Amino acid sequence: MHIKDFVSGSLAGACGVAVGYPLDTVKVRIQTQKQFTGIWQCAAETFSKEGVHGFFKGLSLPITTISMTSSVVFGTYRNCLQCLSQARGGGPNTKPEVFLSGMLAGIAQTSVMSPGDIVKVRLQCQTESKRGGTNMPKPSLGCCDAGRWNIRNGRLDFRNAHGRDQSPAAGGWGAGDEALQGLHPLHH
């Protein structure tokens, strides 16, 4: 078992979330709320009404879940490659093995990530401010409240996420392997 792949995946996931989360919040708001007409209008309105905090609502859940799922993806991928190579008697992995390992890593990722992603989107769609004031709506929900709401209302259905996510994962690992093949041969 390659522990360094699990650790590397976790760190990579946390860094990716921290950098991309503000744009993800803008994207989700544009997709789910009619008052936003474009990227700049949504970003400006979010900043003016909610401050910087508005771009990071619900960040704790994805930074935790994506760190965990990236760890699972990196570790699953590497360990699948190793098991398949050993089952064959050793040597470099074949392209079907890389594809299969990527697909299995995608299945593992989707199974862990989808419930948390549903909660994250619910938190991102809240536009209330935490600044307070006499005419301000109540503060936004936390991830535990949003998770309980989703469970009570049957919103954790993620059957379609497997088909959406695992095929690109397998293709991505396969394409990445193909692109790097000439630069650095895989030795597992």
Protein backbone atom coordinates (compact mmCIF):
# COMPACT_ATOMS: atom_id res chain seq x y z
CA MET A 1 0.00 0.00 0.00
CA HIS A 2 1.33 3.41 -0.97
CA ILE A 3 0.57 5.78 1.93
CA LYS A 4 2.34 8.70 0.21
CA ASP A 5 -0.34 8.64 -2.51
CA PHE A 6 -3.09 9.03 0.08
CA VAL A 7 -1.25 11.93 1.76
CA SER A 8 -0.42 13.60 -1.58
CA GLY A 9 -4.03 13.31 -2.68
CA SER A 10 -5.26 14.87 0.53
CA LEU A 11 -2.93 17.87 0.26
CA ALA A 12 -3.65 18.34 -3.45
CA GLY A 13 -7.39 18.27 -2.78
CA ALA A 14 -7.20 20.88 -0.02
CA CYS A 15 -5.09 23.24 -2.16
CA GLY A 16 -7.41 22.84 -5.13
CA VAL A 17 -10.46 23.68 -3.07
CA ALA A 18 -8.90 26.74 -1.46
CA VAL A 19 -7.95 28.20 -4.85
CA GLY A 20 -11.07 27.37 -6.82
CA TYR A 21 -13.87 27.74 -4.29
CA PRO A 22 -14.74 31.43 -4.91
CA LEU A 23 -15.25 30.76 -8.63
CA ASP A 24 -17.25 27.62 -7.84
CA THR A 25 -19.54 29.68 -5.60
CA VAL A 26 -20.09 32.22 -8.40
CA LYS A 27 -20.78 29.39 -10.88
CA VAL A 28 -23.30 27.70 -8.61
CA ARG A 29 -25.12 30.96 -7.91
CA ILE A 30 -25.36 31.83 -11.60
CA GLN A 31 -26.69 28.34 -12.35
CA THR A 32 -29.28 28.32 -9.57
CA GLN A 33 -30.44 31.91 -9.08
CA LYS A 34 -32.07 34.07 -11.73
CA GLN A 35 -30.99 37.41 -10.20
CA PHE A 36 -27.42 36.81 -11.40
CA THR A 37 -26.82 37.48 -15.09
CA GLY A 38 -23.06 37.00 -15.40
CA ILE A 39 -19.80 36.30 -13.63
CA TRP A 40 -18.84 39.91 -12.89
CA GLN A 41 -22.33 40.94 -11.81
CA CYS A 42 -22.60 37.93 -9.48
CA ALA A 43 -19.12 38.48 -8.01
CA ALA A 44 -19.71 42.21 -7.47
CA GLU A 45 -23.12 41.71 -5.87
CA THR A 46 -21.85 38.89 -3.66
CA PHE A 47 -18.94 41.01 -2.48
CA SER A 48 -21.03 44.14 -1.88
CA LYS A 49 -23.75 42.31 0.08
CA GLU A 50 -21.76 39.61 1.85
CA GLY A 51 -18.11 40.60 1.70
CA VAL A 52 -15.33 38.09 1.09
CA HIS A 53 -17.14 35.61 3.37
CA GLY A 54 -19.87 35.26 0.71
CA PHE A 55 -17.45 33.50 -1.64
CA PHE A 56 -16.45 30.95 0.98
CA LYS A 57 -19.83 29.85 2.40
CA GLY A 58 -19.76 26.14 3.07
CA LEU A 59 -15.98 25.84 2.51
CA SER A 60 -15.35 23.60 5.53
CA LEU A 61 -17.35 20.72 4.08
CA PRO A 62 -15.67 20.60 0.65
CA ILE A 63 -12.17 21.13 2.03
CA THR A 64 -12.77 18.12 4.27
CA THR A 65 -14.56 15.93 1.75
CA ILE A 66 -12.37 16.79 -1.24
CA SER A 67 -9.21 16.26 0.77
CA MET A 68 -10.60 12.88 1.76
CA THR A 69 -11.85 11.94 -1.72
CA SER A 70 -8.64 13.07 -3.43
CA SER A 71 -6.78 10.89 -0.97
CA VAL A 72 -9.07 7.99 -1.86
CA VAL A 73 -8.64 8.62 -5.61
CA PHE A 74 -4.83 8.80 -5.53
CA GLY A 75 -4.54 5.81 -3.18
CA THR A 76 -7.13 3.68 -5.00
CA TYR A 77 -5.57 4.39 -8.38
CA ARG A 78 -2.03 3.53 -7.29
CA ASN A 79 -3.05 0.42 -5.35
CA CYS A 80 -5.22 -0.86 -8.22
CA LEU A 81 -2.29 -0.43 -10.61
CA GLN A 82 -0.04 -2.33 -8.21
CA CYS A 83 -2.56 -5.18 -7.72
CA LEU A 84 -3.17 -5.55 -11.46
CA SER A 85 0.56 -5.57 -12.19
CA GLN A 86 1.19 -8.19 -9.49
CA ALA A 87 -1.72 -10.33 -10.76
CA ARG A 88 -0.03 -10.36 -14.18
CA GLY A 89 3.36 -11.21 -12.74
CA GLY A 90 4.89 -7.72 -12.68
CA GLY A 91 6.14 -5.21 -15.18
CA PRO A 92 4.75 -1.89 -16.41
CA ASN A 93 0.99 -1.48 -16.41
CA THR A 94 -0.94 -1.88 -19.64
CA LYS A 95 -3.32 0.76 -20.96
CA PRO A 96 -6.42 -1.29 -20.02
CA GLU A 97 -5.05 -1.58 -16.47
CA VAL A 98 -4.55 2.18 -16.28
CA PHE A 99 -8.10 2.71 -17.60
CA LEU A 100 -9.60 0.20 -15.15
CA SER A 101 -7.66 1.68 -12.23
CA GLY A 102 -8.87 5.17 -13.15
CA MET A 103 -12.45 3.96 -13.41
CA LEU A 104 -12.29 2.25 -10.01
CA ALA A 105 -10.76 5.39 -8.50
CA GLY A 106 -13.63 7.40 -10.03
CA ILE A 107 -16.23 5.05 -8.55
CA ALA A 108 -14.59 5.34 -5.13
CA GLN A 109 -14.47 9.13 -5.46
CA THR A 110 -18.10 9.50 -6.48
CA SER A 111 -19.34 7.25 -3.70
CA VAL A 112 -17.60 9.37 -1.07
CA MET A 113 -18.08 12.81 -2.62
CA SER A 114 -21.66 13.04 -3.92
CA PRO A 115 -23.53 13.43 -0.60
CA GLY A 116 -21.17 16.20 0.49
CA ASP A 117 -21.43 17.93 -2.89
CA ILE A 118 -25.20 18.14 -2.55
CA VAL A 119 -24.84 19.83 0.86
CA LYS A 120 -22.15 22.19 -0.54
CA VAL A 121 -24.43 23.40 -3.34
CA ARG A 122 -27.24 24.08 -0.88
CA LEU A 123 -24.90 26.19 1.26
CA GLN A 124 -23.55 28.08 -1.75
CA CYS A 125 -27.06 29.00 -2.89
CA GLN A 126 -27.75 30.97 0.28
CA THR A 127 -27.44 34.70 -0.29
CA GLU A 128 -28.22 35.96 3.21
CA SER A 129 -25.59 38.04 4.93
CA LYS A 130 -24.09 37.27 8.32
CA ARG A 131 -23.32 40.97 8.84
CA GLY A 132 -26.60 41.53 10.66
CA GLY A 133 -28.70 44.67 10.75
CA THR A 134 -32.37 45.32 11.32
CA ASN A 135 -33.66 44.25 7.92
CA MET A 136 -31.29 41.36 7.36
CA PRO A 137 -32.57 37.78 6.98
CA LYS A 138 -31.49 35.11 9.45
CA PRO A 139 -27.88 33.84 9.19
CA SER A 140 -27.08 31.09 6.71
CA LEU A 141 -27.18 27.42 7.61
CA GLY A 142 -24.07 25.50 8.53
CA CYS A 143 -23.10 22.25 6.81
CA CYS A 144 -24.72 20.08 9.52
CA ASP A 145 -28.05 21.93 9.20
CA ALA A 146 -27.94 21.70 5.42
CA GLY A 147 -27.09 17.99 5.61
CA ARG A 148 -30.01 17.29 7.96
CA TRP A 149 -32.34 19.26 5.66
CA ASN A 150 -31.19 17.24 2.62
CA ILE A 151 -31.68 13.93 4.44
CA ARG A 152 -35.15 14.91 5.73
CA ASN A 153 -36.22 16.02 2.26
CA GLY A 154 -34.71 13.09 0.35
CA ARG A 155 -32.05 15.15 -1.47
CA LEU A 156 -29.14 12.71 -1.25
CA ASP A 157 -29.91 10.84 -4.46
CA PHE A 158 -26.64 10.52 -6.34
CA ARG A 159 -27.29 7.57 -8.67
CA ASN A 160 -26.55 9.61 -11.81
CA ALA A 161 -23.28 10.95 -10.44
CA HIS A 162 -21.48 7.62 -11.01
CA GLY A 163 -22.05 7.70 -14.77
CA ARG A 164 -21.20 11.39 -14.95
CA ASP A 165 -17.99 11.16 -12.93
CA GLN A 166 -16.40 7.74 -13.35
CA SER A 167 -16.05 7.72 -17.15
CA PRO A 168 -14.13 11.02 -17.27
CA ALA A 169 -12.00 9.84 -14.34
CA ALA A 170 -10.99 6.68 -16.19
CA GLY A 171 -10.42 8.59 -19.41
CA GLY A 172 -8.44 11.27 -17.59
CA TRP A 173 -6.10 8.77 -15.96
CA GLY A 174 -5.70 6.96 -19.29
CA ALA A 175 -5.07 10.17 -21.25
CA GLY A 176 -2.66 11.44 -18.61
CA ASP A 177 -0.76 8.19 -18.68
CA GLU A 178 -0.63 8.28 -22.47
CA ALA A 179 0.64 11.88 -22.48
CA LEU A 180 3.37 11.16 -19.93
CA GLN A 181 4.41 7.83 -21.42
CA GLY A 182 7.06 9.39 -23.63
CA LEU A 183 8.38 11.64 -20.86
CA HIS A 184 8.70 9.14 -18.03
CA PRO A 185 7.84 5.45 -18.37
CA LEU A 186 5.63 4.07 -15.61
CA HIS A 187 7.41 1.65 -13.29
CA HIS A 188 5.14 0.37 -10.54
